[in-house]
N, C-alpha and C. Protein backbone atom coordinates (compact mmCIF):
# COMPACT_ATOMS: atom_id res chain seq x y z
N UNK A 1 8.14 -12.54 -25.91
CA UNK A 1 8.24 -12.40 -24.46
C UNK A 1 6.87 -12.66 -23.84
N UNK A 2 6.85 -13.26 -22.68
CA UNK A 2 5.60 -13.58 -21.98
C UNK A 2 4.89 -12.31 -21.54
N UNK A 3 3.56 -12.37 -21.45
CA UNK A 3 2.77 -11.22 -21.00
C UNK A 3 2.32 -11.36 -19.55
N UNK A 4 2.64 -12.47 -18.90
CA UNK A 4 2.24 -12.69 -17.51
C UNK A 4 3.10 -11.84 -16.59
N UNK A 5 2.47 -10.91 -15.82
CA UNK A 5 3.27 -10.03 -14.96
C UNK A 5 4.15 -10.77 -13.97
N UNK A 6 3.65 -11.88 -13.42
CA UNK A 6 4.45 -12.59 -12.42
C UNK A 6 5.68 -13.22 -13.05
N UNK A 7 5.52 -13.76 -14.26
CA UNK A 7 6.66 -14.35 -14.96
C UNK A 7 7.66 -13.27 -15.36
N UNK A 8 7.14 -12.14 -15.84
CA UNK A 8 8.03 -11.02 -16.21
C UNK A 8 8.79 -10.49 -15.00
N UNK A 9 8.11 -10.40 -13.86
CA UNK A 9 8.77 -9.89 -12.66
C UNK A 9 9.87 -10.84 -12.21
N UNK A 10 9.61 -12.14 -12.30
CA UNK A 10 10.62 -13.13 -11.94
C UNK A 10 11.85 -12.98 -12.84
N UNK A 11 11.61 -12.82 -14.14
CA UNK A 11 12.72 -12.64 -15.07
C UNK A 11 13.46 -11.33 -14.80
N UNK A 12 12.72 -10.27 -14.49
CA UNK A 12 13.35 -8.98 -14.19
C UNK A 12 14.21 -9.09 -12.94
N UNK A 13 13.75 -9.83 -11.95
CA UNK A 13 14.54 -10.02 -10.72
C UNK A 13 15.83 -10.77 -11.00
N UNK A 14 15.80 -11.59 -12.05
CA UNK A 14 17.00 -12.35 -12.43
C UNK A 14 17.92 -11.55 -13.34
N UNK A 15 17.57 -10.26 -13.56
CA UNK A 15 18.44 -9.39 -14.33
C UNK A 15 18.06 -9.22 -15.79
N UNK A 16 16.94 -9.72 -16.21
CA UNK A 16 16.49 -9.60 -17.60
C UNK A 16 15.91 -8.20 -17.83
N UNK A 17 16.68 -7.34 -18.49
CA UNK A 17 16.26 -5.96 -18.71
C UNK A 17 15.05 -5.88 -19.63
N UNK A 18 14.95 -6.76 -20.60
CA UNK A 18 13.80 -6.76 -21.52
C UNK A 18 12.52 -7.09 -20.75
N UNK A 19 12.61 -7.99 -19.80
CA UNK A 19 11.44 -8.35 -18.99
C UNK A 19 11.02 -7.16 -18.13
N UNK A 20 11.97 -6.45 -17.57
CA UNK A 20 11.66 -5.27 -16.76
C UNK A 20 10.97 -4.21 -17.61
N UNK A 21 11.46 -4.00 -18.84
CA UNK A 21 10.82 -3.03 -19.74
C UNK A 21 9.42 -3.47 -20.12
N UNK A 22 9.21 -4.76 -20.35
CA UNK A 22 7.89 -5.26 -20.73
C UNK A 22 6.92 -5.22 -19.56
N UNK A 23 7.42 -5.39 -18.35
CA UNK A 23 6.58 -5.41 -17.16
C UNK A 23 6.03 -4.04 -16.81
N UNK A 24 6.83 -3.03 -16.99
CA UNK A 24 6.47 -1.69 -16.55
C UNK A 24 5.11 -1.21 -17.05
N UNK A 25 4.83 -1.23 -18.34
CA UNK A 25 3.51 -0.72 -18.78
C UNK A 25 2.34 -1.58 -18.31
N UNK A 26 2.60 -2.85 -18.07
CA UNK A 26 1.52 -3.76 -17.66
C UNK A 26 1.00 -3.39 -16.27
N UNK A 27 1.91 -3.10 -15.35
CA UNK A 27 1.49 -2.84 -13.97
C UNK A 27 1.50 -1.36 -13.60
N UNK A 28 2.11 -0.54 -14.42
CA UNK A 28 2.30 0.86 -14.07
C UNK A 28 1.00 1.59 -13.77
N UNK A 29 0.02 1.50 -14.66
CA UNK A 29 -1.21 2.26 -14.48
C UNK A 29 -1.97 1.87 -13.22
N UNK A 30 -2.03 0.57 -12.92
CA UNK A 30 -2.72 0.13 -11.71
C UNK A 30 -2.00 0.64 -10.46
N UNK A 31 -0.69 0.54 -10.44
CA UNK A 31 0.07 1.03 -9.29
C UNK A 31 -0.05 2.54 -9.16
N UNK A 32 -0.07 3.25 -10.28
CA UNK A 32 -0.19 4.70 -10.24
C UNK A 32 -1.57 5.11 -9.71
N UNK A 33 -2.60 4.39 -10.10
CA UNK A 33 -3.96 4.67 -9.60
C UNK A 33 -4.00 4.49 -8.09
N UNK A 34 -3.40 3.41 -7.60
CA UNK A 34 -3.35 3.19 -6.15
C UNK A 34 -2.55 4.28 -5.46
N UNK A 35 -1.43 4.65 -6.04
CA UNK A 35 -0.58 5.70 -5.45
C UNK A 35 -1.33 7.02 -5.36
N UNK A 36 -2.08 7.35 -6.39
CA UNK A 36 -2.85 8.61 -6.38
C UNK A 36 -3.86 8.59 -5.24
N UNK A 37 -4.45 7.44 -4.96
CA UNK A 37 -5.40 7.34 -3.85
C UNK A 37 -4.69 7.57 -2.52
N UNK A 38 -3.50 7.00 -2.35
CA UNK A 38 -2.79 7.15 -1.07
C UNK A 38 -2.48 8.61 -0.80
N UNK A 39 -2.15 9.31 -1.86
CA UNK A 39 -1.68 10.68 -1.71
C UNK A 39 -2.82 11.68 -1.63
N UNK A 40 -4.03 11.21 -1.56
CA UNK A 40 -5.16 12.07 -1.26
C UNK A 40 -5.87 12.67 -2.45
N UNK A 41 -5.29 12.64 -3.61
CA UNK A 41 -5.95 13.13 -4.80
C UNK A 41 -6.30 14.61 -4.77
N UNK A 42 -5.65 15.40 -3.98
CA UNK A 42 -5.93 16.84 -3.96
C UNK A 42 -6.11 17.34 -2.55
N UNK A 43 -6.46 18.62 -2.41
CA UNK A 43 -6.66 19.19 -1.08
C UNK A 43 -5.35 19.71 -0.51
N UNK A 44 -4.62 18.86 0.16
CA UNK A 44 -3.35 19.25 0.76
C UNK A 44 -2.27 19.34 -0.31
N UNK A 45 -1.25 20.18 -0.12
CA UNK A 45 -0.19 20.27 -1.11
C UNK A 45 0.54 18.93 -1.23
N UNK A 46 0.80 18.52 -2.47
CA UNK A 46 1.43 17.23 -2.72
C UNK A 46 2.94 17.38 -2.60
N UNK A 47 3.54 16.53 -1.78
CA UNK A 47 4.99 16.57 -1.63
C UNK A 47 5.64 15.33 -2.25
N UNK A 48 4.85 14.36 -2.59
CA UNK A 48 5.34 13.15 -3.25
C UNK A 48 4.36 12.83 -4.36
N UNK A 49 4.83 12.83 -5.57
CA UNK A 49 3.97 12.57 -6.71
C UNK A 49 3.69 11.07 -6.83
N UNK A 50 2.49 10.70 -7.31
CA UNK A 50 2.19 9.28 -7.51
C UNK A 50 3.23 8.56 -8.37
N UNK A 51 3.72 9.25 -9.40
CA UNK A 51 4.73 8.65 -10.28
C UNK A 51 5.99 8.29 -9.50
N UNK A 52 6.43 9.17 -8.62
CA UNK A 52 7.62 8.92 -7.82
C UNK A 52 7.38 7.74 -6.88
N UNK A 53 6.21 7.70 -6.27
CA UNK A 53 5.87 6.60 -5.37
C UNK A 53 5.90 5.27 -6.11
N UNK A 54 5.32 5.23 -7.30
CA UNK A 54 5.31 4.00 -8.10
C UNK A 54 6.73 3.59 -8.49
N UNK A 55 7.53 4.55 -8.95
CA UNK A 55 8.89 4.22 -9.38
C UNK A 55 9.72 3.68 -8.21
N UNK A 56 9.64 4.34 -7.06
CA UNK A 56 10.40 3.88 -5.89
C UNK A 56 9.95 2.48 -5.46
N UNK A 57 8.65 2.25 -5.46
CA UNK A 57 8.14 0.92 -5.09
C UNK A 57 8.58 -0.13 -6.10
N UNK A 58 8.53 0.23 -7.37
CA UNK A 58 8.92 -0.70 -8.43
C UNK A 58 10.38 -1.10 -8.28
N UNK A 59 11.24 -0.13 -7.97
CA UNK A 59 12.66 -0.43 -7.75
C UNK A 59 12.81 -1.40 -6.59
N UNK A 60 12.04 -1.21 -5.54
CA UNK A 60 12.11 -2.12 -4.39
C UNK A 60 11.61 -3.51 -4.76
N UNK A 61 10.58 -3.58 -5.58
CA UNK A 61 10.04 -4.88 -5.99
C UNK A 61 11.07 -5.67 -6.79
N UNK A 62 11.71 -5.01 -7.73
CA UNK A 62 12.69 -5.70 -8.57
C UNK A 62 13.92 -6.07 -7.76
N UNK A 63 14.26 -5.25 -6.75
CA UNK A 63 15.43 -5.51 -5.94
C UNK A 63 15.25 -6.53 -4.84
N UNK A 64 14.05 -7.10 -4.71
CA UNK A 64 13.80 -8.05 -3.63
C UNK A 64 14.52 -9.37 -3.87
N UNK A 65 14.75 -10.07 -2.78
CA UNK A 65 15.44 -11.36 -2.81
C UNK A 65 14.50 -12.51 -3.16
N UNK A 66 13.26 -12.24 -3.31
CA UNK A 66 12.25 -13.27 -3.54
C UNK A 66 12.43 -13.87 -4.93
N UNK A 67 12.29 -15.19 -5.04
CA UNK A 67 12.48 -15.87 -6.32
C UNK A 67 11.35 -15.60 -7.30
N UNK A 68 10.13 -15.66 -6.83
CA UNK A 68 9.00 -15.47 -7.74
C UNK A 68 7.77 -15.07 -6.95
N UNK A 69 6.81 -14.52 -7.66
CA UNK A 69 5.54 -14.16 -7.05
C UNK A 69 4.52 -15.23 -7.42
N UNK A 70 3.63 -15.52 -6.49
CA UNK A 70 2.67 -16.61 -6.68
C UNK A 70 1.57 -16.27 -7.69
N UNK A 71 1.40 -15.01 -8.01
CA UNK A 71 0.36 -14.62 -8.95
C UNK A 71 0.12 -13.13 -8.89
N UNK A 72 -0.87 -12.68 -9.65
CA UNK A 72 -1.21 -11.27 -9.74
C UNK A 72 -1.53 -10.66 -8.38
N UNK A 73 -2.38 -11.34 -7.61
CA UNK A 73 -2.78 -10.82 -6.31
C UNK A 73 -1.59 -10.72 -5.37
N UNK A 74 -0.73 -11.73 -5.40
CA UNK A 74 0.46 -11.72 -4.55
C UNK A 74 1.38 -10.56 -4.94
N UNK A 75 1.53 -10.33 -6.24
CA UNK A 75 2.36 -9.22 -6.70
C UNK A 75 1.83 -7.90 -6.16
N UNK A 76 0.50 -7.67 -6.30
CA UNK A 76 -0.06 -6.40 -5.84
C UNK A 76 -0.03 -6.29 -4.31
N UNK A 77 -0.11 -7.41 -3.61
CA UNK A 77 0.01 -7.37 -2.15
C UNK A 77 1.42 -6.94 -1.75
N UNK A 78 2.42 -7.48 -2.43
CA UNK A 78 3.80 -7.10 -2.13
C UNK A 78 4.04 -5.65 -2.57
N UNK A 79 3.46 -5.24 -3.70
CA UNK A 79 3.58 -3.86 -4.16
C UNK A 79 2.95 -2.91 -3.15
N UNK A 80 1.84 -3.31 -2.55
CA UNK A 80 1.18 -2.48 -1.54
C UNK A 80 2.10 -2.21 -0.36
N UNK A 81 2.76 -3.25 0.09
CA UNK A 81 3.69 -3.10 1.22
C UNK A 81 4.86 -2.21 0.81
N UNK A 82 5.37 -2.40 -0.40
CA UNK A 82 6.49 -1.58 -0.87
C UNK A 82 6.09 -0.11 -0.94
N UNK A 83 4.90 0.19 -1.47
CA UNK A 83 4.46 1.59 -1.57
C UNK A 83 4.22 2.17 -0.19
N UNK A 84 3.71 1.37 0.72
CA UNK A 84 3.51 1.83 2.10
C UNK A 84 4.85 2.26 2.69
N UNK A 85 5.88 1.44 2.51
CA UNK A 85 7.19 1.76 3.07
C UNK A 85 7.80 2.98 2.41
N UNK A 86 7.63 3.12 1.09
CA UNK A 86 8.15 4.31 0.41
C UNK A 86 7.48 5.56 0.96
N UNK A 87 6.16 5.51 1.10
CA UNK A 87 5.42 6.66 1.60
C UNK A 87 5.85 7.04 3.02
N UNK A 88 5.95 6.06 3.89
CA UNK A 88 6.35 6.32 5.28
C UNK A 88 7.79 6.82 5.34
N UNK A 89 8.68 6.23 4.54
CA UNK A 89 10.07 6.71 4.51
C UNK A 89 10.12 8.17 4.06
N UNK A 90 9.31 8.52 3.07
CA UNK A 90 9.27 9.90 2.57
C UNK A 90 8.79 10.86 3.66
N UNK A 91 7.72 10.49 4.35
CA UNK A 91 7.18 11.36 5.40
C UNK A 91 8.19 11.51 6.53
N UNK A 92 8.82 10.43 6.91
CA UNK A 92 9.83 10.51 7.98
C UNK A 92 10.99 11.41 7.58
N UNK A 93 11.40 11.30 6.34
CA UNK A 93 12.51 12.15 5.87
C UNK A 93 12.11 13.62 5.90
N UNK A 94 10.88 13.92 5.51
CA UNK A 94 10.41 15.32 5.53
C UNK A 94 10.32 15.86 6.95
N UNK A 95 10.05 14.99 7.90
CA UNK A 95 9.89 15.44 9.28
C UNK A 95 11.21 15.71 9.99
N UNK A 96 12.28 15.28 9.42
CA UNK A 96 13.57 15.55 10.06
C UNK A 96 13.82 17.04 10.10
N UNK A 97 14.29 17.54 11.21
CA UNK A 97 14.52 18.97 11.39
C UNK A 97 15.44 19.55 10.32
N UNK A 98 16.44 18.79 9.92
CA UNK A 98 17.39 19.32 8.94
C UNK A 98 16.75 19.50 7.56
N UNK A 99 15.57 18.91 7.37
CA UNK A 99 14.88 19.03 6.08
C UNK A 99 13.67 19.94 6.16
N UNK A 100 13.49 20.63 7.26
CA UNK A 100 12.42 21.59 7.35
C UNK A 100 11.16 21.11 8.03
N UNK A 101 11.05 19.84 8.37
CA UNK A 101 9.88 19.34 9.09
C UNK A 101 8.60 19.42 8.30
N UNK A 102 7.50 19.27 8.99
CA UNK A 102 6.18 19.28 8.36
C UNK A 102 5.81 17.89 7.88
N UNK A 103 4.53 17.66 7.72
CA UNK A 103 4.09 16.36 7.24
C UNK A 103 3.05 16.53 6.16
N UNK A 104 2.93 15.54 5.33
CA UNK A 104 1.98 15.52 4.23
C UNK A 104 0.74 14.77 4.67
N UNK A 105 -0.40 15.42 4.60
CA UNK A 105 -1.64 14.74 4.93
C UNK A 105 -2.05 13.85 3.77
N UNK A 106 -2.47 12.64 4.10
CA UNK A 106 -3.07 11.76 3.11
C UNK A 106 -4.40 11.32 3.67
N UNK A 107 -5.27 10.85 2.80
CA UNK A 107 -6.54 10.34 3.27
C UNK A 107 -6.53 8.83 3.17
N UNK A 108 -7.45 8.23 3.82
CA UNK A 108 -7.58 6.79 3.72
C UNK A 108 -8.52 6.43 2.58
N UNK A 109 -8.38 7.14 1.47
CA UNK A 109 -9.28 6.95 0.35
C UNK A 109 -9.01 5.66 -0.40
N UNK A 110 -7.99 4.91 -0.02
CA UNK A 110 -7.75 3.63 -0.64
C UNK A 110 -8.81 2.62 -0.28
N UNK A 111 -9.64 2.94 0.68
CA UNK A 111 -10.71 2.05 1.10
C UNK A 111 -11.91 2.29 0.20
N UNK A 112 -12.50 1.23 -0.38
CA UNK A 112 -13.63 1.42 -1.28
C UNK A 112 -14.74 2.25 -0.65
N UNK A 113 -15.27 3.19 -1.45
CA UNK A 113 -16.39 4.01 -1.00
C UNK A 113 -16.01 5.14 -0.08
N UNK A 114 -14.74 5.50 -0.04
CA UNK A 114 -14.31 6.52 0.91
C UNK A 114 -13.54 7.63 0.23
N UNK A 115 -14.02 8.12 -0.89
CA UNK A 115 -13.29 9.12 -1.65
C UNK A 115 -13.24 10.48 -0.96
N UNK A 116 -14.09 10.73 0.03
CA UNK A 116 -14.10 12.02 0.71
C UNK A 116 -13.56 11.91 2.14
N UNK A 117 -12.60 11.02 2.33
CA UNK A 117 -12.08 10.76 3.67
C UNK A 117 -11.33 11.97 4.22
N UNK A 118 -11.35 12.09 5.54
CA UNK A 118 -10.61 13.15 6.22
C UNK A 118 -9.12 12.83 6.18
N UNK A 119 -8.26 13.86 6.14
CA UNK A 119 -6.82 13.61 6.12
C UNK A 119 -6.36 12.94 7.42
N UNK A 120 -5.39 12.04 7.28
CA UNK A 120 -4.80 11.35 8.42
C UNK A 120 -3.30 11.45 8.28
N UNK A 121 -2.61 11.79 9.35
CA UNK A 121 -1.16 11.84 9.34
C UNK A 121 -0.65 10.43 9.07
N UNK A 122 0.14 10.22 8.00
CA UNK A 122 0.62 8.88 7.68
C UNK A 122 1.45 8.25 8.80
N UNK A 123 2.18 9.06 9.55
CA UNK A 123 2.98 8.51 10.64
C UNK A 123 2.09 8.03 11.79
N UNK A 124 0.98 8.73 12.03
CA UNK A 124 0.02 8.29 13.05
C UNK A 124 -0.60 6.98 12.61
N UNK A 125 -0.98 6.91 11.33
CA UNK A 125 -1.55 5.67 10.80
C UNK A 125 -0.54 4.53 10.88
N UNK A 126 0.71 4.79 10.50
CA UNK A 126 1.74 3.76 10.55
C UNK A 126 1.94 3.25 11.97
N UNK A 127 2.01 4.16 12.93
CA UNK A 127 2.18 3.76 14.33
C UNK A 127 0.99 2.93 14.80
N UNK A 128 -0.21 3.34 14.41
CA UNK A 128 -1.41 2.59 14.79
C UNK A 128 -1.40 1.20 14.16
N UNK A 129 -0.97 1.10 12.90
CA UNK A 129 -0.89 -0.21 12.24
C UNK A 129 0.14 -1.11 12.90
N UNK A 130 1.26 -0.52 13.32
CA UNK A 130 2.27 -1.32 14.03
C UNK A 130 1.73 -1.83 15.36
N UNK A 131 0.98 -0.99 16.07
CA UNK A 131 0.38 -1.42 17.34
C UNK A 131 -0.69 -2.48 17.10
N UNK A 132 -1.49 -2.30 16.05
CA UNK A 132 -2.50 -3.30 15.72
C UNK A 132 -1.84 -4.63 15.38
N UNK A 133 -0.72 -4.59 14.68
CA UNK A 133 0.00 -5.81 14.33
C UNK A 133 0.47 -6.56 15.57
N UNK A 134 0.79 -5.82 16.63
CA UNK A 134 1.19 -6.47 17.88
C UNK A 134 0.01 -7.24 18.49
N UNK A 135 -1.19 -6.68 18.32
CA UNK A 135 -2.40 -7.31 18.86
C UNK A 135 -2.95 -8.39 17.94
N UNK A 136 -2.98 -8.09 16.63
CA UNK A 136 -3.57 -9.01 15.66
C UNK A 136 -2.89 -8.77 14.32
N UNK A 137 -1.85 -9.54 14.08
CA UNK A 137 -1.05 -9.35 12.87
C UNK A 137 -1.87 -9.57 11.60
N UNK A 138 -2.74 -10.56 11.61
CA UNK A 138 -3.55 -10.84 10.42
C UNK A 138 -4.47 -9.67 10.09
N UNK A 139 -5.09 -9.09 11.10
CA UNK A 139 -5.98 -7.95 10.86
C UNK A 139 -5.18 -6.76 10.31
N UNK A 140 -3.99 -6.52 10.85
CA UNK A 140 -3.16 -5.42 10.36
C UNK A 140 -2.75 -5.66 8.91
N UNK A 141 -2.40 -6.89 8.57
CA UNK A 141 -2.04 -7.20 7.18
C UNK A 141 -3.24 -6.99 6.27
N UNK A 142 -4.43 -7.33 6.75
CA UNK A 142 -5.64 -7.11 5.96
C UNK A 142 -5.88 -5.63 5.68
N UNK A 143 -5.63 -4.79 6.68
CA UNK A 143 -5.79 -3.34 6.51
C UNK A 143 -4.81 -2.84 5.45
N UNK A 144 -3.56 -3.28 5.53
CA UNK A 144 -2.55 -2.86 4.56
C UNK A 144 -2.94 -3.30 3.15
N UNK A 145 -3.39 -4.54 3.01
CA UNK A 145 -3.78 -5.04 1.69
C UNK A 145 -4.99 -4.28 1.14
N UNK A 146 -5.92 -3.94 2.01
CA UNK A 146 -7.13 -3.21 1.60
C UNK A 146 -6.77 -1.78 1.22
N UNK A 147 -6.04 -1.09 2.08
CA UNK A 147 -5.75 0.33 1.86
C UNK A 147 -4.65 0.53 0.82
N UNK A 148 -3.50 -0.07 1.03
CA UNK A 148 -2.38 0.16 0.13
C UNK A 148 -2.44 -0.70 -1.12
N UNK A 149 -3.02 -1.88 -1.03
CA UNK A 149 -3.07 -2.77 -2.19
C UNK A 149 -4.34 -2.67 -3.00
N UNK A 150 -5.37 -2.04 -2.42
CA UNK A 150 -6.63 -1.93 -3.14
C UNK A 150 -7.32 -3.27 -3.35
N UNK A 151 -6.94 -4.28 -2.55
CA UNK A 151 -7.52 -5.60 -2.71
C UNK A 151 -8.90 -5.67 -2.09
N UNK A 152 -9.75 -6.53 -2.65
CA UNK A 152 -11.08 -6.74 -2.08
C UNK A 152 -11.05 -7.92 -1.11
N UNK A 153 -12.19 -8.21 -0.49
CA UNK A 153 -12.25 -9.27 0.52
C UNK A 153 -11.79 -10.62 -0.02
N UNK A 154 -12.18 -10.95 -1.24
CA UNK A 154 -11.81 -12.24 -1.84
C UNK A 154 -10.30 -12.33 -2.00
N UNK A 155 -9.69 -11.26 -2.52
CA UNK A 155 -8.24 -11.26 -2.74
C UNK A 155 -7.47 -11.26 -1.42
N UNK A 156 -7.97 -10.53 -0.44
CA UNK A 156 -7.32 -10.52 0.88
C UNK A 156 -7.39 -11.91 1.50
N UNK A 157 -8.55 -12.55 1.40
CA UNK A 157 -8.70 -13.90 1.94
C UNK A 157 -7.71 -14.86 1.29
N UNK A 158 -7.53 -14.72 -0.02
CA UNK A 158 -6.58 -15.56 -0.75
C UNK A 158 -5.16 -15.33 -0.24
N UNK A 159 -4.78 -14.07 -0.06
CA UNK A 159 -3.42 -13.76 0.39
C UNK A 159 -3.16 -14.21 1.82
N UNK A 160 -4.18 -14.10 2.67
CA UNK A 160 -3.99 -14.44 4.09
C UNK A 160 -4.30 -15.90 4.39
N UNK A 161 -4.89 -16.60 3.42
CA UNK A 161 -5.22 -18.01 3.63
C UNK A 161 -6.36 -18.22 4.61
N UNK A 162 -7.34 -17.31 4.59
CA UNK A 162 -8.50 -17.41 5.48
C UNK A 162 -9.77 -17.23 4.66
N UNK A 163 -10.92 -17.39 5.30
CA UNK A 163 -12.19 -17.22 4.60
C UNK A 163 -12.53 -15.74 4.45
N UNK A 164 -13.45 -15.44 3.52
CA UNK A 164 -13.90 -14.07 3.35
C UNK A 164 -14.59 -13.56 4.61
N UNK A 165 -15.30 -14.43 5.28
CA UNK A 165 -15.97 -14.03 6.52
C UNK A 165 -14.95 -13.58 7.57
N UNK A 166 -13.85 -14.32 7.66
CA UNK A 166 -12.78 -13.94 8.59
C UNK A 166 -12.21 -12.58 8.22
N UNK A 167 -12.03 -12.34 6.92
CA UNK A 167 -11.53 -11.04 6.46
C UNK A 167 -12.49 -9.92 6.88
N UNK A 168 -13.78 -10.14 6.67
CA UNK A 168 -14.78 -9.12 7.04
C UNK A 168 -14.79 -8.89 8.56
N UNK A 169 -14.69 -9.97 9.33
CA UNK A 169 -14.65 -9.83 10.80
C UNK A 169 -13.39 -9.09 11.25
N UNK A 170 -12.25 -9.45 10.65
CA UNK A 170 -11.00 -8.76 10.97
C UNK A 170 -11.10 -7.28 10.62
N UNK A 171 -11.70 -6.96 9.47
CA UNK A 171 -11.84 -5.57 9.03
C UNK A 171 -12.71 -4.79 10.00
N UNK A 172 -13.82 -5.37 10.44
CA UNK A 172 -14.70 -4.68 11.40
C UNK A 172 -13.95 -4.36 12.68
N UNK A 173 -13.22 -5.33 13.19
CA UNK A 173 -12.46 -5.13 14.42
C UNK A 173 -11.36 -4.10 14.21
N UNK A 174 -10.59 -4.24 13.11
CA UNK A 174 -9.46 -3.34 12.86
C UNK A 174 -9.95 -1.91 12.63
N UNK A 175 -11.03 -1.75 11.92
CA UNK A 175 -11.57 -0.41 11.64
C UNK A 175 -11.97 0.27 12.94
N UNK A 176 -12.67 -0.46 13.82
CA UNK A 176 -13.07 0.11 15.11
C UNK A 176 -11.85 0.43 15.97
N UNK A 177 -10.89 -0.48 15.99
CA UNK A 177 -9.68 -0.28 16.79
C UNK A 177 -8.91 0.93 16.29
N UNK A 178 -8.76 1.06 14.97
CA UNK A 178 -8.03 2.19 14.40
C UNK A 178 -8.75 3.51 14.65
N UNK A 179 -10.06 3.50 14.59
CA UNK A 179 -10.82 4.73 14.89
C UNK A 179 -10.53 5.20 16.30
N UNK A 180 -10.52 4.27 17.23
CA UNK A 180 -10.22 4.64 18.62
C UNK A 180 -8.77 5.08 18.77
N UNK A 181 -7.87 4.40 18.13
CA UNK A 181 -6.44 4.65 18.29
C UNK A 181 -6.02 5.98 17.66
N UNK A 182 -6.54 6.26 16.49
CA UNK A 182 -6.16 7.48 15.78
C UNK A 182 -6.80 8.70 16.45
N UNK A 183 -7.90 8.46 17.15
CA UNK A 183 -8.54 9.56 17.88
C UNK A 183 -9.45 10.40 17.02
N UNK A 184 -9.68 9.97 15.81
CA UNK A 184 -10.56 10.66 14.89
C UNK A 184 -11.56 9.65 14.36
N UNK A 185 -12.48 10.12 13.59
CA UNK A 185 -13.43 9.21 12.97
C UNK A 185 -13.48 9.49 11.47
N UNK A 186 -12.34 9.25 10.78
CA UNK A 186 -12.35 9.52 9.36
C UNK A 186 -13.34 8.59 8.67
N UNK A 187 -14.10 9.09 7.72
CA UNK A 187 -15.10 8.28 7.03
C UNK A 187 -14.51 7.03 6.39
N UNK A 188 -13.23 7.05 6.00
CA UNK A 188 -12.63 5.92 5.30
C UNK A 188 -12.44 4.73 6.21
N UNK A 189 -12.37 4.93 7.51
CA UNK A 189 -12.19 3.79 8.40
C UNK A 189 -13.55 3.23 8.75
């Protein structure tokens, strides 16, 4: 069986159970590391375990209608979006009155060099990202790839089809805009 994650994922999407089994250990640890960062790594009580986040995202990845992934970076970019949606869906479900309400604080520690970030309500962040996307979709996608995907400037530039300089400029603008919008100044932004 092939060891290329993108080829294995394509086969898994086509119903190849052996490919799905072979793919899991290859990408699991990286996705779990990213998930642990999203969930804050401690401090606030954890309501969604990194393992659950990874499993839910993985199910969404395999269930997608997409024929194939263009490569490793593309896979992790799509995984980032899937984990973002799982996390937001989880928080929204917890906030429903019939489920007891309350929200789980996460930090923006997915950003390099920001391990001590202040907690940010994921729904506030999601709303801010949606508003940013209305103003500058590329910048919002860059934020998602950086935070949820753990991608660096080179990888983000590759995914967005722009230069690294453009990625850095978009990040500067998006970071400042999000700081103003969220109303806080978390170190991670």
